[in-house]
Amino acid sequence: MLAVIKTGGKQYLVKPGQRIKIEKLPQKEGEEVLFENVLLAKNDENITIGTPNIEGATVKGKILRHGKAEKVIVFKFKAKKREKKKKGYRQLFTEVEITAIEAK
């Protein structure tokens, strides 16, 4: 079974047992999380597409950990002006293991 969920402004193609890194969630490690914005669900031969979401479809997951991604360096430079800026940024994420996909 496959599903496309929407969380944190992004869409993810998920299946049971898969681990994904998504935008940081407020729940604590070890807690269950429920994704209700299911855009597409596929089992064996049936494909269900939502408009925009599928009614009654949910994806359950378990929060494994919270963390920060690798640092991204942003460097701005203007030639002949002696102007430069260097910034670093680390995006916060939550690692989730998908446990079940329920769709009608």
Protein backbone atom coordinates (compact mmCIF):
# COMPACT_ATOMS: atom_id res chain seq x y z
CA MET A 1 0.00 0.00 0.00
CA LEU A 2 1.25 3.47 -0.92
CA ALA A 3 0.02 6.95 -0.02
CA VAL A 4 0.91 10.56 -0.73
CA ILE A 5 0.66 12.78 2.35
CA LYS A 6 1.03 16.52 2.76
CA THR A 7 2.78 17.96 5.81
CA GLY A 8 4.89 21.05 6.37
CA GLY A 9 3.97 22.40 2.93
CA LYS A 10 5.56 19.41 1.18
CA GLN A 11 4.26 16.14 -0.25
CA TYR A 12 5.75 12.72 0.54
CA LEU A 13 5.20 9.31 -1.06
CA VAL A 14 5.12 6.84 1.84
CA LYS A 15 4.62 3.14 2.52
CA PRO A 16 4.48 1.17 5.81
CA GLY A 17 7.87 0.63 7.44
CA GLN A 18 9.46 3.61 5.67
CA ARG A 19 11.37 6.29 7.59
CA ILE A 20 11.04 9.90 6.42
CA LYS A 21 12.44 13.22 7.58
CA ILE A 22 9.80 15.96 7.65
CA GLU A 23 9.46 19.49 9.01
CA LYS A 24 9.66 19.60 12.82
CA LEU A 25 6.50 18.49 14.65
CA PRO A 26 5.52 19.58 18.20
CA GLN A 27 5.00 16.02 19.55
CA LYS A 28 7.67 14.28 21.64
CA GLU A 29 9.84 11.32 20.66
CA GLY A 30 8.06 7.96 20.88
CA GLU A 31 4.57 9.44 20.42
CA GLU A 32 2.17 8.47 17.66
CA VAL A 33 1.38 11.01 14.95
CA LEU A 34 -1.62 10.97 12.61
CA PHE A 35 -1.51 12.49 9.11
CA GLU A 36 -5.00 13.29 7.81
CA ASN A 37 -3.99 15.15 4.63
CA VAL A 38 -3.85 12.07 2.39
CA LEU A 39 -3.84 13.13 -1.27
CA LEU A 40 -3.55 9.69 -2.92
CA ALA A 41 -3.86 6.08 -1.77
CA LYS A 42 -2.96 2.94 -3.73
CA ASN A 43 -3.46 -0.67 -2.74
CA ASP A 44 -2.88 -3.65 -5.06
CA GLU A 45 -4.88 -2.43 -8.08
CA ASN A 46 -7.10 0.35 -6.71
CA ILE A 47 -5.94 3.96 -6.83
CA THR A 48 -7.92 6.64 -4.99
CA ILE A 49 -7.23 10.30 -5.70
CA GLY A 50 -8.57 12.96 -3.36
CA THR A 51 -10.06 16.34 -4.22
CA PRO A 52 -7.84 17.59 -2.57
CA ASN A 53 -7.90 15.07 0.34
CA ILE A 54 -9.38 11.57 0.63
CA GLU A 55 -12.24 11.49 3.14
CA GLY A 56 -11.56 9.14 6.07
CA ALA A 57 -8.03 8.22 4.98
CA THR A 58 -5.23 8.47 7.53
CA VAL A 59 -1.56 7.58 7.78
CA LYS A 60 -0.17 6.65 11.20
CA GLY A 61 3.44 7.10 12.18
CA LYS A 62 5.75 6.99 15.19
CA ILE A 63 8.20 9.79 15.96
CA LEU A 64 11.72 8.39 16.22
CA ARG A 65 13.77 11.53 16.84
CA HIS A 66 14.14 15.26 16.35
CA GLY A 67 17.28 16.83 14.95
CA LYS A 68 18.98 19.37 12.71
CA ALA A 69 20.00 18.81 9.11
CA GLU A 70 23.49 19.49 7.84
CA LYS A 71 24.55 23.12 7.61
CA VAL A 72 23.80 25.00 4.42
CA ILE A 73 26.16 27.91 3.66
CA VAL A 74 24.66 31.00 2.05
CA PHE A 75 27.26 33.35 0.57
CA LYS A 76 26.37 36.63 -1.13
CA PHE A 77 29.01 38.62 -2.97
CA LYS A 78 28.85 41.83 -5.00
CA ALA A 79 31.75 42.32 -7.37
CA LYS A 80 33.67 45.62 -7.32
CA LYS A 81 31.80 46.80 -4.19
CA ARG A 82 33.78 44.93 -1.49
CA GLU A 83 30.51 43.62 -0.14
CA LYS A 84 30.02 40.05 1.05
CA LYS A 85 27.81 38.18 3.50
CA LYS A 86 28.19 34.66 4.81
CA LYS A 87 25.43 32.88 6.72
CA GLY A 88 24.86 29.31 7.84
CA TYR A 89 21.52 27.61 8.42
CA ARG A 90 20.46 24.23 9.84
CA GLN A 91 16.87 23.12 9.19
CA LEU A 92 15.04 21.41 12.07
CA PHE A 93 13.45 18.04 11.23
CA THR A 94 11.51 15.14 12.75
CA GLU A 95 12.23 11.56 11.70
CA VAL A 96 9.01 9.53 11.47
CA GLU A 97 8.48 5.82 10.80
CA ILE A 98 5.24 5.08 8.95
CA THR A 99 3.35 2.31 10.75
CA ALA A 100 -0.01 2.05 8.97
CA ILE A 101 -2.01 3.43 6.05
CA GLU A 102 -5.80 3.31 6.39
CA ALA A 103 -8.00 4.18 3.40
CA LYS A 104 -11.47 3.14 2.33
